Amino acid sequence: MPANRPDSATGVFAQCPSGKILIGGGFNYTPENANIRVISSIPDVNLNQWRVSATNPGTVTGSLNAHAVCVTGS
């Protein structure tokens, strides 16, 4: 994911592989002292991606990552 520069907003997503169904997700950001504020961390409407949007009102550049938890569909 591109760096989330100070005083900016960004969005990222993690997608399930073909044939898998999304059952959850989350995010992490680095470094821990970045002032990243998560606005949303939600599944998409098709249940195959986890989407995260955030802002960085601070002065430290950070990196935001989305994670998807996927299982084999039936």
Protein backbone atom coordinates (compact mmCIF):
# COMPACT_ATOMS: atom_id res chain seq x y z
CA MET A 1 0.00 0.00 0.00
CA PRO A 2 1.29 3.47 -0.72
CA ALA A 3 2.36 5.50 2.24
CA ASN A 4 -0.33 7.52 3.96
CA ARG A 5 1.34 10.92 4.04
CA PRO A 6 0.66 13.46 6.74
CA ASP A 7 -2.56 15.43 6.26
CA SER A 8 -3.98 13.00 3.69
CA ALA A 9 -6.67 10.32 3.24
CA THR A 10 -6.39 6.88 1.65
CA GLY A 11 -8.24 3.62 1.08
CA VAL A 12 -6.95 0.07 0.75
CA PHE A 13 -8.49 -3.36 0.25
CA ALA A 14 -7.60 -7.04 0.56
CA GLN A 15 -9.31 -9.46 -1.82
CA CYS A 16 -10.14 -13.14 -1.37
CA PRO A 17 -8.77 -15.53 -4.00
CA SER A 18 -11.19 -16.90 -6.58
CA GLY A 19 -13.52 -19.52 -5.07
CA LYS A 20 -13.16 -18.16 -1.53
CA ILE A 21 -15.73 -16.29 0.57
CA LEU A 22 -14.89 -13.42 2.88
CA ILE A 23 -15.78 -14.09 6.54
CA GLY A 24 -13.89 -11.22 8.17
CA GLY A 25 -11.06 -8.78 7.91
CA GLY A 26 -9.08 -6.07 9.56
CA PHE A 27 -6.11 -3.76 9.21
CA ASN A 28 -2.78 -2.71 10.61
CA TYR A 29 -0.59 0.33 10.15
CA THR A 30 3.03 1.19 10.72
CA PRO A 31 4.83 2.86 12.32
CA GLU A 32 2.90 2.77 15.57
CA ASN A 33 3.55 6.47 16.19
CA ALA A 34 1.79 7.49 12.95
CA ASN A 35 -1.44 9.30 13.77
CA ILE A 36 -3.55 7.23 11.34
CA ARG A 37 -7.27 7.37 12.08
CA VAL A 38 -9.37 4.61 10.56
CA ILE A 39 -12.69 5.85 9.19
CA SER A 40 -14.08 2.46 8.15
CA SER A 41 -13.07 -1.20 8.09
CA ILE A 42 -15.85 -3.12 6.33
CA PRO A 43 -16.60 -5.90 3.82
CA ASP A 44 -17.60 -4.91 0.31
CA VAL A 45 -21.13 -5.69 -0.90
CA ASN A 46 -19.98 -8.77 -2.87
CA LEU A 47 -18.28 -10.31 0.20
CA ASN A 48 -14.96 -10.84 -1.58
CA GLN A 49 -12.96 -7.82 -0.33
CA TRP A 50 -12.23 -6.12 2.97
CA ARG A 51 -12.01 -2.32 2.59
CA VAL A 52 -10.31 0.13 4.92
CA SER A 53 -10.28 3.92 4.67
CA ALA A 54 -8.27 6.24 6.88
CA THR A 55 -6.85 9.71 7.32
CA ASN A 56 -3.49 10.82 8.64
CA PRO A 57 -3.84 14.21 10.35
CA GLY A 58 -0.42 13.83 11.97
CA THR A 59 3.11 14.63 10.87
CA VAL A 60 4.50 11.07 10.50
CA THR A 61 4.13 9.13 7.24
CA GLY A 62 2.51 5.73 7.81
CA SER A 63 1.60 2.60 5.88
CA LEU A 64 -1.94 1.15 6.05
CA ASN A 65 -2.67 -2.50 5.20
CA ALA A 66 -5.99 -4.35 4.87
CA HIS A 67 -6.39 -8.07 5.68
CA ALA A 68 -9.10 -10.44 4.46
CA VAL A 69 -10.09 -13.70 6.19
CA CYS A 70 -11.38 -16.08 3.53
CA VAL A 71 -12.74 -19.64 3.45
CA THR A 72 -13.60 -22.05 0.66
CA GLY A 73 -17.15 -21.42 -0.57
CA SER A 74 -19.83 -24.01 -1.19
